[in-house]
PDB file of N, CA and C in Angstrom:
ATOM      1  N   MET A   1       1.121  -1.266   0.080  1.00  0.00           N
ATOM      2  CA  MET A   1       0.142  -0.126   0.237  1.00  0.00           C
ATOM      3  C   MET A   1       1.476   1.363   0.197  1.00  0.00           C
ATOM      4  N   ALA A   2       0.960   1.795  -1.298  1.00  0.00           N
ATOM      5  CA  ALA A   2       1.666   3.498  -1.188  1.00  0.00           C
ATOM      6  C   ALA A   2       1.048   4.196  -0.902  1.00  0.00           C
ATOM      7  N   THR A   3       2.093   5.005   0.089  1.00  0.00           N
ATOM      8  CA  THR A   3       1.281   6.336   1.242  1.00  0.00           C
ATOM      9  C   THR A   3       2.155   7.298   0.741  1.00  0.00           C
ATOM     10  N   LYS A   4       0.869   8.163   0.287  1.00  0.00           N
ATOM     11  CA  LYS A   4       1.906   9.790   0.444  1.00  0.00           C
ATOM     12  C   LYS A   4       3.014  10.178   1.002  1.00  0.00           C
ATOM     13  N   ALA A   5       3.812  10.750   0.379  1.00  0.00           N
ATOM     14  CA  ALA A   5       4.862  12.048   1.280  1.00  0.00           C
ATOM     15  C   ALA A   5       4.471  12.429   2.247  1.00  0.00           C
ATOM     16  N   LYS A   6       4.550  12.998   3.309  1.00  0.00           N
ATOM     17  CA  LYS A   6       3.750  13.421   4.539  1.00  0.00           C
ATOM     18  C   LYS A   6       4.791  14.575   4.246  1.00  0.00           C
ATOM     19  N   LYS A   7       4.993  16.359   4.950  1.00  0.00           N
ATOM     20  CA  LYS A   7       5.535  17.053   4.686  1.00  0.00           C
ATOM     21  C   LYS A   7       6.323  16.565   6.178  1.00  0.00           C
ATOM     22  N   ASN A   8       6.832  17.112   5.974  1.00  0.00           N
ATOM     23  CA  ASN A   8       8.041  17.359   8.169  1.00  0.00           C
ATOM     24  C   ASN A   8       7.500  18.538   8.244  1.00  0.00           C
ATOM     25  N   PRO A   9       7.166  18.580   9.616  1.00  0.00           N
ATOM     26  CA  PRO A   9       6.888  19.649  10.465  1.00  0.00           C
ATOM     27  C   PRO A   9       7.218  20.302  10.776  1.00  0.00           C
ATOM     28  N   ARG A  10       6.987  21.848  11.023  1.00  0.00           N
ATOM     29  CA  ARG A  10       7.977  22.854  11.102  1.00  0.00           C
ATOM     30  C   ARG A  10       7.927  23.238  12.689  1.00  0.00           C
ATOM     31  N   LEU A  11       7.727  22.770  13.642  1.00  0.00           N
ATOM     32  CA  LEU A  11       7.265  23.045  14.724  1.00  0.00           C
ATOM     33  C   LEU A  11       8.216  21.345  15.703  1.00  0.00           C
ATOM     34  N   ALA A  12       8.269  22.122  16.394  1.00  0.00           N
ATOM     35  CA  ALA A  12       9.648  20.972  17.741  1.00  0.00           C
ATOM     36  C   ALA A  12       8.449  19.630  18.039  1.00  0.00           C
ATOM     37  N   SER A  13       7.061  20.126  18.616  1.00  0.00           N
ATOM     38  CA  SER A  13       5.786  19.474  18.835  1.00  0.00           C
ATOM     39  C   SER A  13       5.617  18.934  17.453  1.00  0.00           C
ATOM     40  N   GLY A  14       5.423  19.659  17.281  1.00  0.00           N
ATOM     41  CA  GLY A  14       4.818  18.305  15.982  1.00  0.00           C
ATOM     42  C   GLY A  14       5.894  17.178  15.753  1.00  0.00           C
ATOM     43  N   ARG A  15       6.734  17.659  15.108  1.00  0.00           N
ATOM     44  CA  ARG A  15       8.141  16.434  15.125  1.00  0.00           C
ATOM     45  C   ARG A  15       7.900  15.697  15.863  1.00  0.00           C
ATOM     46  N   LYS A  16       7.647  16.029  17.195  1.00  0.00           N
ATOM     47  CA  LYS A  16       7.573  14.685  18.291  1.00  0.00           C
ATOM     48  C   LYS A  16       6.418  14.286  18.019  1.00  0.00           C
ATOM     49  N   ARG A  17       5.109  14.755  18.244  1.00  0.00           N
ATOM     50  CA  ARG A  17       4.076  13.961  17.606  1.00  0.00           C
ATOM     51  C   ARG A  17       3.827  13.103  16.117  1.00  0.00           C
ATOM     52  N   ALA A  18       4.599  13.604  15.177  1.00  0.00           N
ATOM     53  CA  ALA A  18       4.907  12.498  14.371  1.00  0.00           C
ATOM     54  C   ALA A  18       5.587  11.087  15.136  1.00  0.00           C
ATOM     55  N   ARG A  19       7.358  11.260  15.844  1.00  0.00           N
ATOM     56  CA  ARG A  19       7.811  10.396  16.032  1.00  0.00           C
ATOM     57  C   ARG A  19       6.617   9.336  17.042  1.00  0.00           C
ATOM     58  N   GLN A  20       5.833  10.171  17.762  1.00  0.00           N
ATOM     59  CA  GLN A  20       5.156   9.315  18.674  1.00  0.00           C
ATOM     60  C   GLN A  20       4.072   7.979  18.280  1.00  0.00           C
ATOM     61  N   ASN A  21       3.253   9.036  16.632  1.00  0.00           N
ATOM     62  CA  ASN A  21       2.600   8.508  15.671  1.00  0.00           C
ATOM     63  C   ASN A  21       3.039   6.534  15.834  1.00  0.00           C
ATOM     64  N   ILE A  22       4.258   7.078  14.704  1.00  0.00           N
ATOM     65  CA  ILE A  22       4.113   5.915  13.957  1.00  0.00           C
ATOM     66  C   ILE A  22       4.452   4.660  15.643  1.00  0.00           C
ATOM     67  N   ALA A  23       5.579   4.942  16.258  1.00  0.00           N
ATOM     68  CA  ALA A  23       5.567   4.205  17.447  1.00  0.00           C
ATOM     69  C   ALA A  23       3.647   3.608  18.350  1.00  0.00           C
ATOM     70  N   LEU A  24       3.128   4.461  18.267  1.00  0.00           N
ATOM     71  CA  LEU A  24       1.820   4.028  18.131  1.00  0.00           C
ATOM     72  C   LEU A  24       1.242   3.208  17.638  1.00  0.00           C
ATOM     73  N   ASN A  25       1.512   3.681  16.145  1.00  0.00           N
ATOM     74  CA  ASN A  25       0.394   2.601  15.002  1.00  0.00           C
ATOM     75  C   ASN A  25       0.846   1.321  15.002  1.00  0.00           C
ATOM     76  N   ALA A  26       2.571   1.243  15.472  1.00  0.00           N
ATOM     77  CA  ALA A  26       3.517   0.202  15.103  1.00  0.00           C
ATOM     78  C   ALA A  26       2.547  -0.690  16.355  1.00  0.00           C
ATOM     79  N   ALA A  27       2.050   0.095  17.561  1.00  0.00           N
ATOM     80  CA  ALA A  27       1.772  -0.749  18.625  1.00  0.00           C
ATOM     81  C   ALA A  27      -0.180  -1.468  18.311  1.00  0.00           C
ATOM     82  N   ASN A  28      -0.600  -0.266  18.035  1.00  0.00           N
ATOM     83  CA  ASN A  28      -1.832  -0.604  17.379  1.00  0.00           C
ATOM     84  C   ASN A  28      -1.920  -1.908  16.720  1.00  0.00           C
ATOM     85  N   THR A  29      -0.948  -1.770  15.502  1.00  0.00           N
ATOM     86  CA  THR A  29      -1.088  -2.933  15.107  1.00  0.00           C
ATOM     87  C   THR A  29      -0.678  -4.232  15.021  1.00  0.00           C
ATOM     88  N   SER A  30       0.189  -4.424  15.680  1.00  0.00           N
ATOM     89  CA  SER A  30       0.267  -5.279  16.655  1.00  0.00           C
ATOM     90  C   SER A  30      -0.537  -6.011  17.339  1.00  0.00           C
ATOM     91  N   LEU A  31      -1.339  -5.298  18.118  1.00  0.00           N
ATOM     92  CA  LEU A  31      -2.293  -5.837  18.920  1.00  0.00           C
ATOM     93  C   LEU A  31      -3.614  -6.308  17.496  1.00  0.00           C
ATOM     94  N   ARG A  32      -3.912  -5.380  17.690  1.00  0.00           N
ATOM     95  CA  ARG A  32      -4.966  -5.511  16.334  1.00  0.00           C
ATOM     96  C   ARG A  32      -4.636  -7.032  15.409  1.00  0.00           C
ATOM     97  N   SER A  33      -3.618  -7.548  15.412  1.00  0.00           N
ATOM     98  CA  SER A  33      -2.874  -8.684  14.927  1.00  0.00           C
ATOM     99  C   SER A  33      -3.178  -9.425  15.828  1.00  0.00           C
ATOM    100  N   LYS A  34      -3.438  -9.892  16.953  1.00  0.00           N
ATOM    101  CA  LYS A  34      -3.133 -10.277  18.137  1.00  0.00           C
ATOM    102  C   LYS A  34      -4.438 -10.962  18.468  1.00  0.00           C
ATOM    103  N   TYR A  35      -5.446  -9.614  18.631  1.00  0.00           N
ATOM    104  CA  TYR A  35      -6.747 -10.113  18.258  1.00  0.00           C
ATOM    105  C   TYR A  35      -7.122 -11.100  17.420  1.00  0.00           C
ATOM    106  N   ARG A  36      -6.917 -10.763  16.444  1.00  0.00           N
ATOM    107  CA  ARG A  36      -7.300 -11.785  15.321  1.00  0.00           C
ATOM    108  C   ARG A  36      -6.562 -12.583  14.894  1.00  0.00           C
ATOM    109  N   THR A  37      -5.362 -13.523  15.493  1.00  0.00           N
ATOM    110  CA  THR A  37      -4.829 -14.317  15.755  1.00  0.00           C
ATOM    111  C   THR A  37      -5.940 -15.281  16.509  1.00  0.00           C
ATOM    112  N   ALA A  38      -5.661 -14.430  17.739  1.00  0.00           N
ATOM    113  CA  ALA A  38      -6.992 -15.694  18.545  1.00  0.00           C
ATOM    114  C   ALA A  38      -7.982 -15.464  18.558  1.00  0.00           C
ATOM    115  N   VAL A  39      -8.870 -15.065  17.587  1.00  0.00           N
ATOM    116  CA  VAL A  39     -10.138 -15.108  17.185  1.00  0.00           C
ATOM    117  C   VAL A  39      -9.715 -16.758  16.012  1.00  0.00           C
ATOM    118  N   LYS A  40      -9.443 -16.195  15.478  1.00  0.00           N
ATOM    119  CA  LYS A  40      -8.633 -17.170  14.201  1.00  0.00           C
ATOM    120  C   LYS A  40      -7.743 -18.555  14.556  1.00  0.00           C
ATOM    121  N   ASN A  41      -7.152 -18.880  15.767  1.00  0.00           N
ATOM    122  CA  ASN A  41      -7.122 -19.766  16.608  1.00  0.00           C
ATOM    123  C   ASN A  41      -8.525 -20.458  16.702  1.00  0.00           C
ATOM    124  N   VAL A  42      -8.919 -20.095  17.995  1.00  0.00           N
ATOM    125  CA  VAL A  42     -10.246 -20.401  18.381  1.00  0.00           C
ATOM    126  C   VAL A  42     -11.169 -21.263  16.450  1.00  0.00           C
ATOM    127  N   GLU A  43     -11.581 -20.416  15.512  1.00  0.00           N
ATOM    128  CA  GLU A  43     -11.742 -20.561  15.197  1.00  0.00           C
ATOM    129  C   GLU A  43     -11.627 -22.295  14.600  1.00  0.00           C
ATOM    130  N   LYS A  44     -10.583 -21.840  14.447  1.00  0.00           N
ATOM    131  CA  LYS A  44      -9.915 -23.703  13.398  1.00  0.00           C
ATOM    132  C   LYS A  44     -10.030 -24.345  14.728  1.00  0.00           C
ATOM    133  N   ALA A  45      -9.505 -24.211  15.458  1.00  0.00           N
ATOM    134  CA  ALA A  45     -10.054 -25.507  16.687  1.00  0.00           C
ATOM    135  C   ALA A  45     -11.611 -26.184  16.178  1.00  0.00           C
ATOM    136  N   ILE A  46     -12.368 -25.127  16.412  1.00  0.00           N
ATOM    137  CA  ILE A  46     -13.824 -25.276  16.089  1.00  0.00           C
ATOM    138  C   ILE A  46     -13.509 -26.175  15.108  1.00  0.00           C
ATOM    139  N   VAL A  47     -13.671 -25.808  13.540  1.00  0.00           N
ATOM    140  CA  VAL A  47     -13.829 -26.612  12.353  1.00  0.00           C
ATOM    141  C   VAL A  47     -12.824 -27.192  13.203  1.00  0.00           C
ATOM    142  N   ALA A  48     -11.881 -27.601  12.884  1.00  0.00           N
ATOM    143  CA  ALA A  48     -11.288 -29.444  13.008  1.00  0.00           C
ATOM    144  C   ALA A  48     -12.055 -30.149  14.073  1.00  0.00           C
ATOM    145  N   GLY A  49     -13.145 -29.994  14.592  1.00  0.00           N
ATOM    146  CA  GLY A  49     -13.908 -30.572  16.266  1.00  0.00           C
ATOM    147  C   GLY A  49     -12.828 -30.644  17.079  1.00  0.00           C
ATOM    148  N   ASP A  50     -11.620 -30.162  17.931  1.00  0.00           N
ATOM    149  CA  ASP A  50     -11.367 -30.651  18.867  1.00  0.00           C
ATOM    150  C   ASP A  50     -12.042 -29.647  19.933  1.00  0.00           C
ATOM    151  N   LYS A  51     -12.883 -30.628  20.596  1.00  0.00           N
ATOM    152  CA  LYS A  51     -13.298 -29.743  21.715  1.00  0.00           C
ATOM    153  C   LYS A  51     -12.570 -29.403  23.053  1.00  0.00           C
ATOM    154  N   VAL A  52     -11.414 -29.755  23.081  1.00  0.00           N
ATOM    155  CA  VAL A  52     -10.451 -29.517  24.449  1.00  0.00           C
ATOM    156  C   VAL A  52      -9.251 -28.283  24.364  1.00  0.00           C
ATOM    157  N   LYS A  53      -9.146 -28.291  22.532  1.00  0.00           N
ATOM    158  CA  LYS A  53      -8.372 -27.271  21.934  1.00  0.00           C
ATOM    159  C   LYS A  53      -9.073 -26.641  21.506  1.00  0.00           C
ATOM    160  N   ALA A  54      -9.965 -26.301  21.551  1.00  0.00           N
ATOM    161  CA  ALA A  54     -11.089 -24.835  21.111  1.00  0.00           C
ATOM    162  C   ALA A  54     -11.485 -24.215  22.959  1.00  0.00           C
ATOM    163  N   THR A  55     -11.905 -24.964  23.353  1.00  0.00           N
ATOM    164  CA  THR A  55     -12.669 -24.584  24.646  1.00  0.00           C
ATOM    165  C   THR A  55     -10.486 -23.717  25.686  1.00  0.00           C
ATOM    166  N   GLU A  56      -9.936 -24.645  25.728  1.00  0.00           N
ATOM    167  CA  GLU A  56      -8.714 -23.933  26.063  1.00  0.00           C
ATOM    168  C   GLU A  56      -8.278 -22.749  25.399  1.00  0.00           C
ATOM    169  N   LEU A  57      -8.067 -22.609  23.889  1.00  0.00           N
ATOM    170  CA  LEU A  57      -8.249 -21.435  23.471  1.00  0.00           C
ATOM    171  C   LEU A  57      -8.502 -20.303  23.420  1.00  0.00           C
ATOM    172  N   PHE A  58     -10.380 -20.881  23.526  1.00  0.00           N
ATOM    173  CA  PHE A  58     -11.332 -18.918  23.822  1.00  0.00           C
ATOM    174  C   PHE A  58     -11.191 -18.662  25.386  1.00  0.00           C
ATOM    175  N   ALA A  59     -10.971 -20.320  26.117  1.00  0.00           N
ATOM    176  CA  ALA A  59      -9.760 -18.547  27.297  1.00  0.00           C
ATOM    177  C   ALA A  59      -9.077 -17.927  27.211  1.00  0.00           C
ATOM    178  N   LYS A  60      -7.882 -18.237  27.083  1.00  0.00           N
ATOM    179  CA  LYS A  60      -6.787 -17.559  26.297  1.00  0.00           C
ATOM    180  C   LYS A  60      -7.751 -16.025  25.393  1.00  0.00           C
ATOM    181  N   ALA A  61      -8.268 -16.702  24.699  1.00  0.00           N
ATOM    182  CA  ALA A  61      -8.782 -15.647  23.786  1.00  0.00           C
ATOM    183  C   ALA A  61      -9.545 -14.206  23.869  1.00  0.00           C
ATOM    184  N   GLN A  62     -10.397 -14.753  25.534  1.00  0.00           N
ATOM    185  CA  GLN A  62     -11.219 -13.919  26.133  1.00  0.00           C
ATOM    186  C   GLN A  62      -9.389 -12.773  27.248  1.00  0.00           C
ATOM    187  N   SER A  63      -9.475 -13.733  27.537  1.00  0.00           N
ATOM    188  CA  SER A  63      -8.463 -12.016  27.984  1.00  0.00           C
ATOM    189  C   SER A  63      -7.466 -11.594  26.971  1.00  0.00           C
ATOM    190  N   VAL A  64      -7.183 -11.941  25.947  1.00  0.00           N
ATOM    191  CA  VAL A  64      -6.767 -11.087  24.529  1.00  0.00           C
ATOM    192  C   VAL A  64      -7.313 -10.588  24.269  1.00  0.00           C
ATOM    193  N   LEU A  65      -9.018 -10.387  23.739  1.00  0.00           N
ATOM    194  CA  LEU A  65     -10.344  -9.642  23.394  1.00  0.00           C
ATOM    195  C   LEU A  65     -10.172  -8.640  24.185  1.00  0.00           C
ATOM    196  N   ASP A  66     -10.544  -8.987  25.881  1.00  0.00           N
ATOM    197  CA  ASP A  66     -10.565  -7.861  26.764  1.00  0.00           C
ATOM    198  C   ASP A  66     -10.275  -6.368  26.531  1.00  0.00           C
ATOM    199  N   SER A  67      -8.307  -7.514  26.476  1.00  0.00           N
ATOM    200  CA  SER A  67      -7.224  -6.730  26.863  1.00  0.00           C
ATOM    201  C   SER A  67      -7.324  -5.883  25.555  1.00  0.00           C
ATOM    202  N   VAL A  68      -7.487  -5.795  24.579  1.00  0.00           N
ATOM    203  CA  VAL A  68      -7.462  -5.202  23.319  1.00  0.00           C
ATOM    204  C   VAL A  68      -8.367  -3.995  23.626  1.00  0.00           C
ATOM    205  N   ALA A  69      -9.521  -5.099  24.153  1.00  0.00           N
ATOM    206  CA  ALA A  69     -11.034  -3.814  23.967  1.00  0.00           C
ATOM    207  C   ALA A  69     -10.686  -2.578  25.153  1.00  0.00           C
ATOM    208  N   ASP A  70      -9.963  -2.838  25.860  1.00  0.00           N
ATOM    209  CA  ASP A  70      -9.675  -1.914  26.950  1.00  0.00           C
ATOM    210  C   ASP A  70      -9.237  -0.958  26.383  1.00  0.00           C
ATOM    211  N   LYS A  71      -7.661  -1.055  25.388  1.00  0.00           N
ATOM    212  CA  LYS A  71      -6.705  -0.324  25.656  1.00  0.00           C
ATOM    213  C   LYS A  71      -7.437   0.820  24.534  1.00  0.00           C
ATOM    214  N   GLY A  72      -9.046   0.117  23.837  1.00  0.00           N
ATOM    215  CA  GLY A  72      -9.549   1.254  22.883  1.00  0.00           C
ATOM    216  C   GLY A  72      -9.170   0.962  21.113  1.00  0.00           C
ATOM    217  N   ILE A  73      -8.249  -0.112  20.743  1.00  0.00           N
ATOM    218  CA  ILE A  73      -8.014  -0.724  19.819  1.00  0.00           C
ATOM    219  C   ILE A  73      -9.268  -0.859  18.588  1.00  0.00           C
ATOM    220  N   PHE A  74     -10.051  -2.314  19.764  1.00  0.00           N
ATOM    221  CA  PHE A  74     -11.506  -2.368  19.247  1.00  0.00           C
ATOM    222  C   PHE A  74     -12.285  -1.723  20.153  1.00  0.00           C
ATOM    223  N   HIS A  75     -13.790  -1.312  19.326  1.00  0.00           N
ATOM    224  CA  HIS A  75     -14.868  -1.126  20.499  1.00  0.00           C
ATOM    225  C   HIS A  75     -15.110  -2.155  22.225  1.00  0.00           C
ATOM    226  N   LYS A  76     -15.245  -1.688  22.808  1.00  0.00           N
ATOM    227  CA  LYS A  76     -15.763  -3.227  24.000  1.00  0.00           C
ATOM    228  C   LYS A  76     -16.382  -3.644  23.279  1.00  0.00           C
ATOM    229  N   ASN A  77     -17.772  -3.566  22.467  1.00  0.00           N
ATOM    230  CA  ASN A  77     -19.153  -4.131  22.162  1.00  0.00           C
ATOM    231  C   ASN A  77     -18.664  -5.257  21.215  1.00  0.00           C
ATOM    232  N   LYS A  78     -17.675  -4.348  19.875  1.00  0.00           N
ATOM    233  CA  LYS A  78     -17.140  -5.276  19.169  1.00  0.00           C
ATOM    234  C   LYS A  78     -16.857  -7.175  19.985  1.00  0.00           C
ATOM    235  N   ALA A  79     -15.492  -6.955  20.604  1.00  0.00           N
ATOM    236  CA  ALA A  79     -15.106  -7.750  21.701  1.00  0.00           C
ATOM    237  C   ALA A  79     -15.992  -8.641  22.271  1.00  0.00           C
ATOM    238  N   ALA A  80     -17.239  -8.245  23.331  1.00  0.00           N
ATOM    239  CA  ALA A  80     -18.001  -8.914  23.530  1.00  0.00           C
ATOM    240  C   ALA A  80     -18.724  -9.502  22.444  1.00  0.00           C
ATOM    241  N   ARG A  81     -19.427  -9.189  20.999  1.00  0.00           N
ATOM    242  CA  ARG A  81     -19.782  -9.471  20.368  1.00  0.00           C
ATOM    243  C   ARG A  81     -19.151 -10.923  19.435  1.00  0.00           C
ATOM    244  N   ASP A  82     -17.692 -11.008  19.557  1.00  0.00           N
ATOM    245  CA  ASP A  82     -16.878 -11.638  19.072  1.00  0.00           C
ATOM    246  C   ASP A  82     -16.681 -12.796  19.976  1.00  0.00           C
ATOM    247  N   LYS A  83     -16.382 -12.278  21.571  1.00  0.00           N
ATOM    248  CA  LYS A  83     -16.845 -13.557  22.466  1.00  0.00           C
ATOM    249  C   LYS A  83     -17.545 -13.834  22.491  1.00  0.00           C
ATOM    250  N   SER A  84     -19.191 -13.685  22.045  1.00  0.00           N
ATOM    251  CA  SER A  84     -20.276 -14.082  22.433  1.00  0.00           C
ATOM    252  C   SER A  84     -20.515 -15.377  21.432  1.00  0.00           C
ATOM    253  N   ARG A  85     -20.019 -14.690  19.771  1.00  0.00           N
ATOM    254  CA  ARG A  85     -19.890 -16.039  18.796  1.00  0.00           C
ATOM    255  C   ARG A  85     -19.202 -17.151  19.157  1.00  0.00           C
ATOM    256  N   LEU A  86     -18.064 -16.806  19.587  1.00  0.00           N
ATOM    257  CA  LEU A  86     -17.410 -18.123  19.583  1.00  0.00           C
ATOM    258  C   LEU A  86     -17.587 -18.557  21.146  1.00  0.00           C
ATOM    259  N   SER A  87     -18.276 -18.278  22.171  1.00  0.00           N
ATOM    260  CA  SER A  87     -18.365 -19.023  22.963  1.00  0.00           C
ATOM    261  C   SER A  87     -19.127 -19.785  22.691  1.00  0.00           C
ATOM    262  N   ALA A  88     -20.892 -19.042  21.713  1.00  0.00           N
ATOM    263  CA  ALA A  88     -21.556 -20.300  21.612  1.00  0.00           C
ATOM    264  C   ALA A  88     -21.195 -21.482  20.653  1.00  0.00           C
ATOM    265  N   LYS A  89     -20.354 -20.982  19.299  1.00  0.00           N
ATOM    266  CA  LYS A  89     -19.473 -22.503  18.535  1.00  0.00           C
ATOM    267  C   LYS A  89     -18.823 -22.987  19.741  1.00  0.00           C
ATOM    268  N   VAL A  90     -18.654 -22.451  20.675  1.00  0.00           N
ATOM    269  CA  VAL A  90     -17.710 -24.026  21.362  1.00  0.00           C
ATOM    270  C   VAL A  90     -18.301 -24.993  22.239  1.00  0.00           C
ATOM    271  N   LYS A  91     -20.078 -23.763  22.698  1.00  0.00           N
ATOM    272  CA  LYS A  91     -20.731 -24.595  23.615  1.00  0.00           C
ATOM    273  C   LYS A  91     -21.191 -25.341  22.168  1.00  0.00           C
ATOM    274  N   THR A  92     -21.840 -25.305  20.966  1.00  0.00           N
ATOM    275  CA  THR A  92     -22.412 -26.188  19.956  1.00  0.00           C
ATOM    276  C   THR A  92     -21.590 -27.103  19.684  1.00  0.00           C
ATOM    277  N   LEU A  93     -20.398 -27.275  20.085  1.00  0.00           N
ATOM    278  CA  LEU A  93     -19.223 -28.254  19.108  1.00  0.00           C
ATOM    279  C   LEU A  93     -18.965 -29.316  20.507  1.00  0.00           C
ATOM    280  N   ALA A  94     -19.434 -28.632  21.977  1.00  0.00           N
ATOM    281  CA  ALA A  94     -19.386 -29.223  23.481  1.00  0.00           C
ATOM    282  C   ALA A  94     -20.630 -30.551  22.879  1.00  0.00           C
ATOM    283  N   LEU A  95     -21.568 -30.048  22.884  1.00  0.00           N
ATOM    284  CA  LEU A  95     -23.288 -30.821  22.848  1.00  0.00           C
ATOM    285  C   LEU A  95     -22.552 -31.664  21.526  1.00  0.00           C
ATOM    286  N   ALA A  96     -22.289 -31.051  20.891  1.00  0.00           N
ATOM    287  CA  ALA A  96     -22.343 -32.437  19.089  1.00  0.00           C
ATOM    288  C   ALA A  96     -21.363 -33.767  19.748  1.00  0.00           C
ATOM    289  N   ALA A  97     -20.612 -33.413  20.941  1.00  0.00           N
ATOM    290  CA  ALA A  97     -19.297 -34.693  20.775  1.00  0.00           C
ATOM    291  C   ALA A  97     -20.466 -35.002  21.958  1.00  0.00           C
TER     292      ALA A  97
END
């Protein structure tokens, strides 16, 4: 993805803000990736039909989803919705077995 060349800020405070934005963007990207990976891992275990692994991964994913939502990377309602949907899928897997 090509980005436009940005002008260098003149003021020192603006230059500092630009440096901070790069660091914050990297941190947010990492957390967003961690969130999505946690959800994906649970869904993979569900598709594979591995009840024990899915339950274990779901327990870990819940804390990841909550912590990322607390930091404001994703909205709290999105995290709650994702947890609810994953929980329902894990429960149906447990009932089917």
